[in-house]
C-alpha atoms as a PDB file:
ATOM      1  CA  MET A   1       5.357   2.962  13.751  1.00  0.00           C
ATOM      2  CA  LYS A   2       1.824   2.438  12.328  1.00  0.00           C
ATOM      3  CA  ILE A   3       1.192   1.311   9.261  1.00  0.00           C
ATOM      4  CA  GLN A   4      -1.543   2.845   6.704  1.00  0.00           C
ATOM      5  CA  ILE A   5      -2.735   1.153   3.619  1.00  0.00           C
ATOM      6  CA  TRP A   6      -4.460   2.940   1.520  1.00  0.00           C
ATOM      7  CA  SER A   7      -6.477   2.082  -1.748  1.00  0.00           C
ATOM      8  CA  ILE A   8      -8.336   3.913  -3.993  1.00  0.00           C
ATOM      9  CA  GLY A   9     -11.621   2.469  -4.921  1.00  0.00           C
ATOM     10  CA  LYS A  10     -14.658   0.360  -3.661  1.00  0.00           C
ATOM     11  CA  THR A  11     -14.427  -1.474  -0.821  1.00  0.00           C
ATOM     12  CA  HIS A  12     -12.971  -5.063  -0.533  1.00  0.00           C
ATOM     13  CA  GLU A  13     -14.839  -7.435  -2.465  1.00  0.00           C
ATOM     14  CA  SER A  14     -16.234 -10.431  -0.667  1.00  0.00           C
ATOM     15  CA  TYR A  15     -13.580 -12.975  -2.245  1.00  0.00           C
ATOM     16  CA  ILE A  16     -10.593 -10.692  -1.153  1.00  0.00           C
ATOM     17  CA  ARG A  17     -12.245  -9.319   2.049  1.00  0.00           C
ATOM     18  CA  SER A  18     -11.642 -12.416   4.549  1.00  0.00           C
ATOM     19  CA  GLY A  19      -7.937 -12.746   3.378  1.00  0.00           C
ATOM     20  CA  VAL A  20      -7.020  -8.983   3.901  1.00  0.00           C
ATOM     21  CA  GLU A  21      -8.808  -9.182   7.049  1.00  0.00           C
ATOM     22  CA  ASP A  22      -6.662 -12.131   8.219  1.00  0.00           C
ATOM     23  CA  PHE A  23      -3.565 -10.954   7.202  1.00  0.00           C
ATOM     24  CA  THR A  24      -3.989  -7.575   8.820  1.00  0.00           C
ATOM     25  CA  THR A  25      -5.130  -8.916  11.962  1.00  0.00           C
ATOM     26  CA  ARG A  26      -1.843 -10.748  12.029  1.00  0.00           C
ATOM     27  CA  LEU A  27       0.191  -7.694  10.851  1.00  0.00           C
ATOM     28  CA  ASN A  28      -1.440  -5.786  13.925  1.00  0.00           C
ATOM     29  CA  ARG A  29       0.808  -8.347  16.271  1.00  0.00           C
ATOM     30  CA  TYR A  30       3.920  -6.501  15.003  1.00  0.00           C
ATOM     31  CA  PHE A  31       2.914  -2.955  14.229  1.00  0.00           C
ATOM     32  CA  PRO A  32      -0.572  -1.181  14.300  1.00  0.00           C
ATOM     33  CA  ALA A  33      -2.320  -1.492  10.754  1.00  0.00           C
ATOM     34  CA  GLU A  34      -5.325  -0.183   9.137  1.00  0.00           C
ATOM     35  CA  TRP A  35      -6.728   0.172   5.801  1.00  0.00           C
ATOM     36  CA  ASN A  36      -8.391   3.244   4.321  1.00  0.00           C
ATOM     37  CA  ILE A  37     -10.474   2.799   1.152  1.00  0.00           C
ATOM     38  CA  ILE A  38     -10.392   6.419  -0.677  1.00  0.00           C
ATOM     39  CA  PRO A  39     -13.393   6.397  -2.752  1.00  0.00           C
ATOM     40  CA  VAL A  40     -13.447   7.290  -6.130  1.00  0.00           C
ATOM     41  CA  PRO A  41     -14.986  10.831  -7.082  1.00  0.00           C
ATOM     42  CA  LYS A  42     -18.604  10.451  -7.359  1.00  0.00           C
ATOM     43  CA  ASN A  43     -18.576  12.026 -11.022  1.00  0.00           C
ATOM     44  CA  SER A  44     -15.724   9.307 -11.752  1.00  0.00           C
ATOM     45  CA  GLY A  45     -17.665   8.133 -15.069  1.00  0.00           C
ATOM     46  CA  MET A  46     -17.762  11.439 -16.417  1.00  0.00           C
ATOM     47  CA  LEU A  47     -13.995  11.987 -16.087  1.00  0.00           C
ATOM     48  CA  SER A  48     -11.128  11.336 -18.493  1.00  0.00           C
ATOM     49  CA  ALA A  49      -8.332   9.082 -17.130  1.00  0.00           C
ATOM     50  CA  GLN A  50      -6.130  12.070 -16.760  1.00  0.00           C
ATOM     51  CA  ASP A  51      -8.695  14.190 -14.596  1.00  0.00           C
ATOM     52  CA  LEU A  52      -9.720  11.141 -12.610  1.00  0.00           C
ATOM     53  CA  ARG A  53      -5.890  10.715 -11.558  1.00  0.00           C
ATOM     54  CA  ILE A  54      -5.809  14.488 -10.966  1.00  0.00           C
ATOM     55  CA  SER A  55      -8.950  14.353  -8.753  1.00  0.00           C
ATOM     56  CA  GLU A  56      -7.598  11.270  -6.905  1.00  0.00           C
ATOM     57  CA  GLY A  57      -4.209  12.440  -6.263  1.00  0.00           C
ATOM     58  CA  LYS A  58      -5.684  15.652  -4.655  1.00  0.00           C
ATOM     59  CA  THR A  59      -7.691  13.267  -2.175  1.00  0.00           C
ATOM     60  CA  ILE A  60      -4.506  11.702  -1.254  1.00  0.00           C
ATOM     61  CA  MET A  61      -2.317  14.952  -0.688  1.00  0.00           C
ATOM     62  CA  ASP A  62      -5.352  16.170   1.293  1.00  0.00           C
ATOM     63  CA  TRP A  63      -4.817  12.852   3.143  1.00  0.00           C
ATOM     64  CA  LEU A  64      -1.036  12.839   3.658  1.00  0.00           C
ATOM     65  CA  GLN A  65       0.723  14.295   6.822  1.00  0.00           C
ATOM     66  CA  ARG A  66       4.129  15.904   6.338  1.00  0.00           C
ATOM     67  CA  ASP A  67       6.016  13.465   8.219  1.00  0.00           C
ATOM     68  CA  ASP A  68       4.414  10.401   6.443  1.00  0.00           C
ATOM     69  CA  PHE A  69       6.634   8.081   4.723  1.00  0.00           C
ATOM     70  CA  LEU A  70       4.752   7.197   1.619  1.00  0.00           C
ATOM     71  CA  VAL A  71       5.269   4.070  -0.467  1.00  0.00           C
ATOM     72  CA  ALA A  72       3.322   4.353  -3.688  1.00  0.00           C
ATOM     73  CA  LEU A  73       3.000   1.102  -5.733  1.00  0.00           C
ATOM     74  CA  ASP A  74       3.598   1.540  -9.019  1.00  0.00           C
ATOM     75  CA  GLU A  75       4.437  -0.841 -12.150  1.00  0.00           C
ATOM     76  CA  ARG A  76       7.723   1.241 -12.723  1.00  0.00           C
ATOM     77  CA  GLY A  77       8.800   0.950  -9.144  1.00  0.00           C
ATOM     78  CA  LYS A  78      11.663  -0.673  -7.429  1.00  0.00           C
ATOM     79  CA  GLU A  79      10.909  -4.488  -7.033  1.00  0.00           C
ATOM     80  CA  MET A  80      11.880  -6.040  -3.722  1.00  0.00           C
ATOM     81  CA  ASP A  81      11.935  -9.814  -2.591  1.00  0.00           C
ATOM     82  CA  SER A  82      10.355 -10.253   0.807  1.00  0.00           C
ATOM     83  CA  VAL A  83      13.707 -10.422   2.607  1.00  0.00           C
ATOM     84  CA  GLN A  84      14.238  -7.056   1.109  1.00  0.00           C
ATOM     85  CA  LEU A  85      10.975  -5.770   2.359  1.00  0.00           C
ATOM     86  CA  SER A  86      11.706  -6.971   5.832  1.00  0.00           C
ATOM     87  CA  ALA A  87      14.948  -5.015   5.945  1.00  0.00           C
ATOM     88  CA  PHE A  88      12.906  -1.859   4.512  1.00  0.00           C
ATOM     89  CA  LEU A  89      10.220  -2.390   7.347  1.00  0.00           C
ATOM     90  CA  GLN A  90      13.075  -2.781  10.174  1.00  0.00           C
ATOM     91  CA  LEU A  91      14.610   0.468   8.703  1.00  0.00           C
ATOM     92  CA  ARG A  92      11.406   2.334   8.735  1.00  0.00           C
ATOM     93  CA  ALA A  93      11.051   1.229  12.621  1.00  0.00           C
ATOM     94  CA  ASN A  94      14.550   2.179  13.468  1.00  0.00           C
ATOM     95  CA  GLU A  95      14.457   5.445  11.949  1.00  0.00           C
ATOM     96  CA  SER A  96      11.358   6.159  14.107  1.00  0.00           C
ATOM     97  CA  THR A  97       8.739   6.391  11.170  1.00  0.00           C
ATOM     98  CA  ARG A  98       5.593   7.323  12.664  1.00  0.00           C
ATOM     99  CA  ARG A  99       3.280   6.724   9.870  1.00  0.00           C
ATOM    100  CA  LEU A 100       4.145   4.292   6.936  1.00  0.00           C
ATOM    101  CA  VAL A 101       1.762   4.464   4.189  1.00  0.00           C
ATOM    102  CA  PHE A 102       1.239   2.171   1.381  1.00  0.00           C
ATOM    103  CA  LEU A 103      -0.754   3.423  -1.394  1.00  0.00           C
ATOM    104  CA  ILE A 104      -2.491   1.299  -4.200  1.00  0.00           C
ATOM    105  CA  GLY A 105      -3.550   4.002  -6.834  1.00  0.00           C
ATOM    106  CA  GLY A 106      -6.791   4.113  -8.698  1.00  0.00           C
ATOM    107  CA  ALA A 107      -7.791   2.089 -12.022  1.00  0.00           C
ATOM    108  CA  PHE A 108      -5.790   4.738 -14.128  1.00  0.00           C
ATOM    109  CA  GLY A 109      -2.528   4.804 -12.011  1.00  0.00           C
ATOM    110  CA  ILE A 110      -1.045   7.495  -9.460  1.00  0.00           C
ATOM    111  CA  ASP A 111      -1.148  11.178 -10.394  1.00  0.00           C
ATOM    112  CA  ALA A 112       2.445  12.939 -11.096  1.00  0.00           C
ATOM    113  CA  PRO A 113       2.603  14.984  -7.684  1.00  0.00           C
ATOM    114  CA  VAL A 114       1.924  12.325  -5.497  1.00  0.00           C
ATOM    115  CA  LEU A 115       4.455  10.031  -7.284  1.00  0.00           C
ATOM    116  CA  GLN A 116       6.891  12.842  -6.779  1.00  0.00           C
ATOM    117  CA  ARG A 117       5.918  13.150  -3.035  1.00  0.00           C
ATOM    118  CA  ALA A 118       6.478   9.414  -2.275  1.00  0.00           C
ATOM    119  CA  ASN A 119       9.286   8.502  -0.391  1.00  0.00           C
ATOM    120  CA  LEU A 120       9.507   5.107  -2.358  1.00  0.00           C
ATOM    121  CA  ILE A 121       7.940   3.932  -5.594  1.00  0.00           C
ATOM    122  CA  TRP A 122       7.620   0.288  -5.229  1.00  0.00           C
ATOM    123  CA  SER A 123       6.487  -2.547  -7.983  1.00  0.00           C
ATOM    124  CA  LEU A 124       5.165  -5.911  -6.480  1.00  0.00           C
ATOM    125  CA  SER A 125       5.600  -7.569  -9.758  1.00  0.00           C
ATOM    126  CA  LYS A 126       6.317  -7.107 -13.500  1.00  0.00           C
ATOM    127  CA  LEU A 127       2.731  -8.706 -13.597  1.00  0.00           C
ATOM    128  CA  THR A 128      -0.429  -6.695 -13.939  1.00  0.00           C
ATOM    129  CA  PHE A 129      -2.692  -7.699 -11.111  1.00  0.00           C
ATOM    130  CA  PRO A 130      -6.320  -6.582 -10.426  1.00  0.00           C
ATOM    131  CA  HIS A 131      -6.373  -3.891  -7.577  1.00  0.00           C
ATOM    132  CA  GLN A 132      -8.290  -6.234  -5.247  1.00  0.00           C
ATOM    133  CA  LEU A 133      -5.981  -8.844  -5.545  1.00  0.00           C
ATOM    134  CA  VAL A 134      -2.705  -6.192  -4.684  1.00  0.00           C
ATOM    135  CA  ARG A 135      -4.556  -5.545  -1.649  1.00  0.00           C
ATOM    136  CA  LEU A 136      -4.313  -9.207  -0.766  1.00  0.00           C
ATOM    137  CA  ILE A 137      -0.899  -9.738  -2.038  1.00  0.00           C
ATOM    138  CA  LEU A 138       0.220  -6.343  -0.040  1.00  0.00           C
ATOM    139  CA  SER A 139      -1.205  -7.532   3.340  1.00  0.00           C
ATOM    140  CA  GLU A 140       0.319 -10.884   3.043  1.00  0.00           C
ATOM    141  CA  GLN A 141       4.090  -9.687   2.019  1.00  0.00           C
ATOM    142  CA  LEU A 142       3.577  -7.105   4.866  1.00  0.00           C
ATOM    143  CA  TYR A 143       2.975  -9.939   7.530  1.00  0.00           C
ATOM    144  CA  ARG A 144       5.425 -12.018   5.868  1.00  0.00           C
ATOM    145  CA  ALA A 145       8.133  -9.462   6.195  1.00  0.00           C
ATOM    146  CA  CYS A 146       7.312  -9.046   9.998  1.00  0.00           C
ATOM    147  CA  THR A 147       7.751 -13.152  10.220  1.00  0.00           C
ATOM    148  CA  ILE A 148      11.246 -12.740   8.616  1.00  0.00           C
ATOM    149  CA  LEU A 149      12.053  -9.769  10.887  1.00  0.00           C
ATOM    150  CA  ARG A 150      11.363 -12.177  13.865  1.00  0.00           C
ATOM    151  CA  ASN A 151      12.734 -15.332  12.446  1.00  0.00           C
ATOM    152  CA  GLU A 152       9.261 -17.139  12.630  1.00  0.00           C
ATOM    153  CA  LYS A 153       8.434 -20.208  10.769  1.00  0.00           C
ATOM    154  CA  TYR A 154       5.791 -18.399   8.140  1.00  0.00           C
ATOM    155  CA  HIS A 155       8.652 -17.449   5.765  1.00  0.00           C
ATOM    156  CA  HIS A 156      10.545 -20.512   4.222  1.00  0.00           C
ATOM    157  CA  ALA A 157      13.645 -19.002   2.510  1.00  0.00           C
END
């Protein structure tokens, strides 16, 4: 199973980059993982929030493959703790998911057709985080879930 983490917006800020790279490198010990930063449309400053979401949504739908298992991060999604996330990863691997895509939406969220296409809508927390910080939290939690699967010391339950 390959893990892809997609995020709409600019590249990782310097204060986030080293942490994201570190946890992604660690995650690669368990599953091949890579980041794809989806640029905002060039005319984004001239678009309404709805039009921007629609434009971003079309790009995402173009990038998705038919068999991708899409996990959309959204504040209204299902919450999981770290142990539940590890069980979710194990289930995806057991069911031979080829590509597991985690999607961090743009500044105004994820367009409805993309949410409808998602196999799972997941909320990291009821709190609101900056998109850059979500990247770090997500990469760390995916790594933590993998250490739980292998019963390694990183996670102390």
